[in-house]
Amino acid sequence: MMHAKRIWTLAPVASAEELAAKLTGFGWCLCSGFFVDGHEDLLFLNDSTSEDGAQEYAAVRREAEGCFQVESVTFGWMTRERALDVIRALLAGTPVPEEPTRLVCRLPVGAWTPPMQRGGVTVAQSVAEVREALGACGGAGSGEDARDAMHVRVEPRIESAEEHRGRACCA
């Protein structure tokens, strides 16, 4: 989470579908947070830099040892369907399915052997190759489970709606 001093208030939503609609269809106050009924252990906390920017959310899981950010998601750039896939994966505790991504680079014909080193720079053709090259998110040789790749302890400050009423962020 980028905002250690931010104070959030939580609103329950009835379903993953409702949450996907809310996070892709509207801009929310920076102190907004959500959880899906029956999944109170997974919080979606607004981590955006401004109300006018892309809606960025920290997915924070409450565990016995404390709270851990397990994902950072820019819902403001997603379709409702893609957001629903991401939310369902997070609720199930499974890795978020990657969106097809293409990184484009210009290389001479026949010069490609993925991934490759050129003058200290790793050149990759996909997110998977970047991860493999960096040894992150369960890439080859990393020994790290993809689910634990982003499992960072955080201490979000949560207030009830009553406690939060009157704060400048919601005025």
C-alpha atoms as a PDB file:
ATOM      1  CA  MET A   1       0.000   0.000   0.000  1.00  0.00           C
ATOM      2  CA  MET A   2       1.276   3.408  -0.886  1.00  0.00           C
ATOM      3  CA  HIS A   3      -0.643   5.271   1.817  1.00  0.00           C
ATOM      4  CA  ALA A   4       0.403   4.246   5.318  1.00  0.00           C
ATOM      5  CA  LYS A   5      -1.379   7.213   6.922  1.00  0.00           C
ATOM      6  CA  ARG A   6      -4.696   6.832   5.091  1.00  0.00           C
ATOM      7  CA  ILE A   7      -7.721   5.791   7.141  1.00  0.00           C
ATOM      8  CA  TRP A   8     -10.327   3.636   5.405  1.00  0.00           C
ATOM      9  CA  THR A   9     -13.924   2.823   6.124  1.00  0.00           C
ATOM     10  CA  LEU A  10     -15.321  -0.475   4.861  1.00  0.00           C
ATOM     11  CA  ALA A  11     -18.537  -1.174   2.988  1.00  0.00           C
ATOM     12  CA  PRO A  12     -19.864  -4.689   2.471  1.00  0.00           C
ATOM     13  CA  VAL A  13     -20.995  -5.803  -0.978  1.00  0.00           C
ATOM     14  CA  ALA A  14     -23.242  -8.794  -1.622  1.00  0.00           C
ATOM     15  CA  SER A  15     -21.201 -10.514  -4.345  1.00  0.00           C
ATOM     16  CA  ALA A  16     -18.066 -10.520  -6.446  1.00  0.00           C
ATOM     17  CA  GLU A  17     -20.215  -9.331  -9.358  1.00  0.00           C
ATOM     18  CA  GLU A  18     -21.396  -6.300  -7.395  1.00  0.00           C
ATOM     19  CA  LEU A  19     -17.842  -5.459  -6.353  1.00  0.00           C
ATOM     20  CA  ALA A  20     -16.597  -5.709  -9.953  1.00  0.00           C
ATOM     21  CA  ALA A  21     -19.364  -3.324 -11.046  1.00  0.00           C
ATOM     22  CA  LYS A  22     -18.545  -0.848  -8.272  1.00  0.00           C
ATOM     23  CA  LEU A  23     -14.772  -0.863  -8.835  1.00  0.00           C
ATOM     24  CA  THR A  24     -14.928  -0.535 -12.629  1.00  0.00           C
ATOM     25  CA  GLY A  25     -17.992   1.686 -12.963  1.00  0.00           C
ATOM     26  CA  PHE A  26     -17.334   4.430 -10.425  1.00  0.00           C
ATOM     27  CA  GLY A  27     -14.598   6.540  -8.889  1.00  0.00           C
ATOM     28  CA  TRP A  28     -14.507   6.309  -5.111  1.00  0.00           C
ATOM     29  CA  CYS A  29     -13.350   8.500  -2.257  1.00  0.00           C
ATOM     30  CA  LEU A  30      -9.732   7.690  -1.362  1.00  0.00           C
ATOM     31  CA  CYS A  31     -10.801   6.356   2.028  1.00  0.00           C
ATOM     32  CA  SER A  32     -13.147   3.746   0.525  1.00  0.00           C
ATOM     33  CA  GLY A  33     -12.716   0.071   1.218  1.00  0.00           C
ATOM     34  CA  PHE A  34     -14.865  -2.934   0.408  1.00  0.00           C
ATOM     35  CA  PHE A  35     -15.289  -6.595   1.252  1.00  0.00           C
ATOM     36  CA  VAL A  36     -17.586  -9.272  -0.148  1.00  0.00           C
ATOM     37  CA  ASP A  37     -20.124 -10.722   2.302  1.00  0.00           C
ATOM     38  CA  GLY A  38     -18.808 -14.033   3.585  1.00  0.00           C
ATOM     39  CA  HIS A  39     -15.223 -13.009   2.790  1.00  0.00           C
ATOM     40  CA  GLU A  40     -14.552 -10.443   5.509  1.00  0.00           C
ATOM     41  CA  ASP A  41     -10.913 -11.575   5.602  1.00  0.00           C
ATOM     42  CA  LEU A  42     -10.181 -10.011   2.177  1.00  0.00           C
ATOM     43  CA  LEU A  43     -10.323  -6.223   1.951  1.00  0.00           C
ATOM     44  CA  PHE A  44     -10.171  -4.094  -1.174  1.00  0.00           C
ATOM     45  CA  LEU A  45      -8.693  -0.761  -0.027  1.00  0.00           C
ATOM     46  CA  ASN A  46      -8.510   2.266  -2.310  1.00  0.00           C
ATOM     47  CA  ASP A  47      -4.815   2.872  -2.888  1.00  0.00           C
ATOM     48  CA  SER A  48      -5.262   5.491  -5.621  1.00  0.00           C
ATOM     49  CA  THR A  49      -3.263   8.698  -5.575  1.00  0.00           C
ATOM     50  CA  SER A  50      -6.322  10.838  -6.392  1.00  0.00           C
ATOM     51  CA  GLU A  51     -10.025  10.498  -7.049  1.00  0.00           C
ATOM     52  CA  ASP A  52      -9.371  11.586 -10.636  1.00  0.00           C
ATOM     53  CA  GLY A  53      -6.729   8.937 -11.290  1.00  0.00           C
ATOM     54  CA  ALA A  54      -7.016   5.275 -12.111  1.00  0.00           C
ATOM     55  CA  GLN A  55      -8.816   3.342  -9.388  1.00  0.00           C
ATOM     56  CA  GLU A  56      -5.985   1.348  -7.752  1.00  0.00           C
ATOM     57  CA  TYR A  57      -6.825  -1.042  -4.923  1.00  0.00           C
ATOM     58  CA  ALA A  58      -4.713  -2.964  -2.456  1.00  0.00           C
ATOM     59  CA  ALA A  59      -6.094  -6.449  -1.829  1.00  0.00           C
ATOM     60  CA  VAL A  60      -5.367  -7.055   1.854  1.00  0.00           C
ATOM     61  CA  ARG A  61      -5.909 -10.405   3.537  1.00  0.00           C
ATOM     62  CA  ARG A  62      -6.527 -10.543   7.298  1.00  0.00           C
ATOM     63  CA  GLU A  63      -4.627 -13.506   8.751  1.00  0.00           C
ATOM     64  CA  ALA A  64      -3.867 -14.737  12.270  1.00  0.00           C
ATOM     65  CA  GLU A  65      -0.419 -13.076  12.085  1.00  0.00           C
ATOM     66  CA  GLY A  66      -1.820  -9.738  10.904  1.00  0.00           C
ATOM     67  CA  CYS A  67      -2.789  -8.090   7.622  1.00  0.00           C
ATOM     68  CA  PHE A  68      -0.940  -8.792   4.385  1.00  0.00           C
ATOM     69  CA  GLN A  69      -1.230  -7.106   1.014  1.00  0.00           C
ATOM     70  CA  VAL A  70      -1.559  -9.948  -1.467  1.00  0.00           C
ATOM     71  CA  GLU A  71      -2.152  -7.975  -4.657  1.00  0.00           C
ATOM     72  CA  SER A  72      -2.332  -4.486  -6.112  1.00  0.00           C
ATOM     73  CA  VAL A  73      -4.963  -4.083  -8.817  1.00  0.00           C
ATOM     74  CA  THR A  74      -5.782  -1.167 -11.108  1.00  0.00           C
ATOM     75  CA  PHE A  75      -9.508  -1.780 -11.510  1.00  0.00           C
ATOM     76  CA  GLY A  76      -9.908   1.574 -13.247  1.00  0.00           C
ATOM     77  CA  TRP A  77      -8.255   0.148 -16.383  1.00  0.00           C
ATOM     78  CA  MET A  78     -10.256  -3.089 -16.492  1.00  0.00           C
ATOM     79  CA  THR A  79     -13.479  -4.248 -17.998  1.00  0.00           C
ATOM     80  CA  ARG A  80     -16.091  -5.473 -15.548  1.00  0.00           C
ATOM     81  CA  GLU A  81     -15.525  -9.048 -16.782  1.00  0.00           C
ATOM     82  CA  ARG A  82     -11.754  -8.890 -16.194  1.00  0.00           C
ATOM     83  CA  ALA A  83     -12.284  -7.359 -12.749  1.00  0.00           C
ATOM     84  CA  LEU A  84     -14.679 -10.177 -11.885  1.00  0.00           C
ATOM     85  CA  ASP A  85     -12.042 -12.776 -12.865  1.00  0.00           C
ATOM     86  CA  VAL A  86      -9.461 -11.038 -10.658  1.00  0.00           C
ATOM     87  CA  ILE A  87     -11.848 -10.690  -7.699  1.00  0.00           C
ATOM     88  CA  ARG A  88     -12.935 -14.334  -7.925  1.00  0.00           C
ATOM     89  CA  ALA A  89      -9.304 -15.485  -7.982  1.00  0.00           C
ATOM     90  CA  LEU A  90      -8.462 -13.346  -4.952  1.00  0.00           C
ATOM     91  CA  LEU A  91     -11.505 -14.615  -3.040  1.00  0.00           C
ATOM     92  CA  ALA A  92     -10.522 -18.202  -3.845  1.00  0.00           C
ATOM     93  CA  GLY A  93      -6.916 -17.575  -2.805  1.00  0.00           C
ATOM     94  CA  THR A  94      -5.603 -18.584  -6.221  1.00  0.00           C
ATOM     95  CA  PRO A  95      -3.143 -16.664  -8.394  1.00  0.00           C
ATOM     96  CA  VAL A  96      -4.706 -13.852 -10.374  1.00  0.00           C
ATOM     97  CA  PRO A  97      -4.961 -14.956 -14.007  1.00  0.00           C
ATOM     98  CA  GLU A  98      -2.702 -12.909 -16.212  1.00  0.00           C
ATOM     99  CA  GLU A  99      -4.139 -10.817 -18.938  1.00  0.00           C
ATOM    100  CA  PRO A 100      -2.567 -11.507 -22.321  1.00  0.00           C
ATOM    101  CA  THR A 101       0.265  -9.008 -22.541  1.00  0.00           C
ATOM    102  CA  ARG A 102       2.701  -8.340 -25.315  1.00  0.00           C
ATOM    103  CA  LEU A 103       5.915  -6.453 -24.770  1.00  0.00           C
ATOM    104  CA  VAL A 104       7.266  -5.228 -28.084  1.00  0.00           C
ATOM    105  CA  CYS A 105      10.908  -4.725 -28.866  1.00  0.00           C
ATOM    106  CA  ARG A 106      12.732  -4.372 -32.176  1.00  0.00           C
ATOM    107  CA  LEU A 107      15.456  -6.905 -32.765  1.00  0.00           C
ATOM    108  CA  PRO A 108      17.185  -8.022 -35.956  1.00  0.00           C
ATOM    109  CA  VAL A 109      15.550 -11.071 -37.540  1.00  0.00           C
ATOM    110  CA  GLY A 110      16.954 -14.260 -36.036  1.00  0.00           C
ATOM    111  CA  ALA A 111      18.484 -12.467 -33.030  1.00  0.00           C
ATOM    112  CA  TRP A 112      15.897 -13.730 -30.537  1.00  0.00           C
ATOM    113  CA  THR A 113      16.526 -16.431 -27.947  1.00  0.00           C
ATOM    114  CA  PRO A 114      14.090 -15.731 -25.097  1.00  0.00           C
ATOM    115  CA  PRO A 115      14.970 -14.441 -22.592  1.00  0.00           C
ATOM    116  CA  MET A 116      18.354 -13.059 -23.513  1.00  0.00           C
ATOM    117  CA  GLN A 117      21.002 -10.733 -22.190  1.00  0.00           C
ATOM    118  CA  ARG A 118      22.233  -7.764 -24.196  1.00  0.00           C
ATOM    119  CA  GLY A 119      24.754  -5.463 -22.596  1.00  0.00           C
ATOM    120  CA  GLY A 120      23.461  -6.177 -19.090  1.00  0.00           C
ATOM    121  CA  VAL A 121      19.826  -5.707 -20.121  1.00  0.00           C
ATOM    122  CA  THR A 122      17.416  -8.627 -20.111  1.00  0.00           C
ATOM    123  CA  VAL A 123      15.138  -8.604 -23.145  1.00  0.00           C
ATOM    124  CA  ALA A 124      11.839 -10.447 -22.784  1.00  0.00           C
ATOM    125  CA  GLN A 125       8.807 -10.947 -24.971  1.00  0.00           C
ATOM    126  CA  SER A 126       6.147 -11.574 -22.328  1.00  0.00           C
ATOM    127  CA  VAL A 127       5.360 -10.995 -18.667  1.00  0.00           C
ATOM    128  CA  ALA A 128       6.159 -14.661 -18.005  1.00  0.00           C
ATOM    129  CA  GLU A 129       9.635 -14.202 -19.509  1.00  0.00           C
ATOM    130  CA  VAL A 130      10.204 -11.072 -17.431  1.00  0.00           C
ATOM    131  CA  ARG A 131       9.238 -12.972 -14.297  1.00  0.00           C
ATOM    132  CA  GLU A 132      11.441 -15.907 -15.264  1.00  0.00           C
ATOM    133  CA  ALA A 133      14.369 -13.601 -15.952  1.00  0.00           C
ATOM    134  CA  LEU A 134      13.902 -11.837 -12.624  1.00  0.00           C
ATOM    135  CA  GLY A 135      13.221 -15.060 -10.734  1.00  0.00           C
ATOM    136  CA  ALA A 136      10.013 -13.593  -9.309  1.00  0.00           C
ATOM    137  CA  CYS A 137       6.435 -14.796  -8.881  1.00  0.00           C
ATOM    138  CA  GLY A 138       7.244 -18.476  -9.153  1.00  0.00           C
ATOM    139  CA  GLY A 139       9.525 -18.135 -12.162  1.00  0.00           C
ATOM    140  CA  ALA A 140      12.008 -20.863 -12.986  1.00  0.00           C
ATOM    141  CA  GLY A 141      14.560 -21.315 -10.255  1.00  0.00           C
ATOM    142  CA  SER A 142      13.038 -18.794  -7.873  1.00  0.00           C
ATOM    143  CA  GLY A 143      11.710 -21.373  -5.419  1.00  0.00           C
ATOM    144  CA  GLU A 144       8.950 -18.915  -4.632  1.00  0.00           C
ATOM    145  CA  ASP A 145       5.292 -19.858  -4.857  1.00  0.00           C
ATOM    146  CA  ALA A 146       3.356 -17.462  -7.114  1.00  0.00           C
ATOM    147  CA  ARG A 147       0.699 -17.028  -4.448  1.00  0.00           C
ATOM    148  CA  ASP A 148       3.284 -15.687  -1.987  1.00  0.00           C
ATOM    149  CA  ALA A 149       5.038 -13.376  -4.454  1.00  0.00           C
ATOM    150  CA  MET A 150       3.250 -10.351  -3.046  1.00  0.00           C
ATOM    151  CA  HIS A 151       2.581 -11.115   0.585  1.00  0.00           C
ATOM    152  CA  VAL A 152       3.655  -7.954   2.367  1.00  0.00           C
ATOM    153  CA  ARG A 153       2.690  -7.173   5.943  1.00  0.00           C
ATOM    154  CA  VAL A 154       0.674  -3.953   6.182  1.00  0.00           C
ATOM    155  CA  GLU A 155      -1.160  -2.148   8.955  1.00  0.00           C
ATOM    156  CA  PRO A 156      -4.218  -0.486   7.440  1.00  0.00           C
ATOM    157  CA  ARG A 157      -6.122   1.902   9.680  1.00  0.00           C
ATOM    158  CA  ILE A 158      -9.826   1.044   9.513  1.00  0.00           C
ATOM    159  CA  GLU A 159     -12.638   3.057  11.093  1.00  0.00           C
ATOM    160  CA  SER A 160     -16.353   2.443  11.307  1.00  0.00           C
ATOM    161  CA  ALA A 161     -18.598   4.768   9.306  1.00  0.00           C
ATOM    162  CA  GLU A 162     -19.555   6.484  12.583  1.00  0.00           C
ATOM    163  CA  GLU A 163     -15.893   7.072  13.547  1.00  0.00           C
ATOM    164  CA  HIS A 164     -15.063   8.245  10.035  1.00  0.00           C
ATOM    165  CA  ARG A 165     -17.924  10.718   9.702  1.00  0.00           C
ATOM    166  CA  GLY A 166     -16.743  14.307   9.446  1.00  0.00           C
ATOM    167  CA  ARG A 167     -13.223  13.599   8.185  1.00  0.00           C
ATOM    168  CA  ALA A 168     -11.959  16.035   5.561  1.00  0.00           C
ATOM    169  CA  CYS A 169     -11.601  13.252   2.979  1.00  0.00           C
ATOM    170  CA  CYS A 170     -15.367  12.676   3.013  1.00  0.00           C
ATOM    171  CA  ALA A 171     -16.589  16.247   3.440  1.00  0.00           C
END
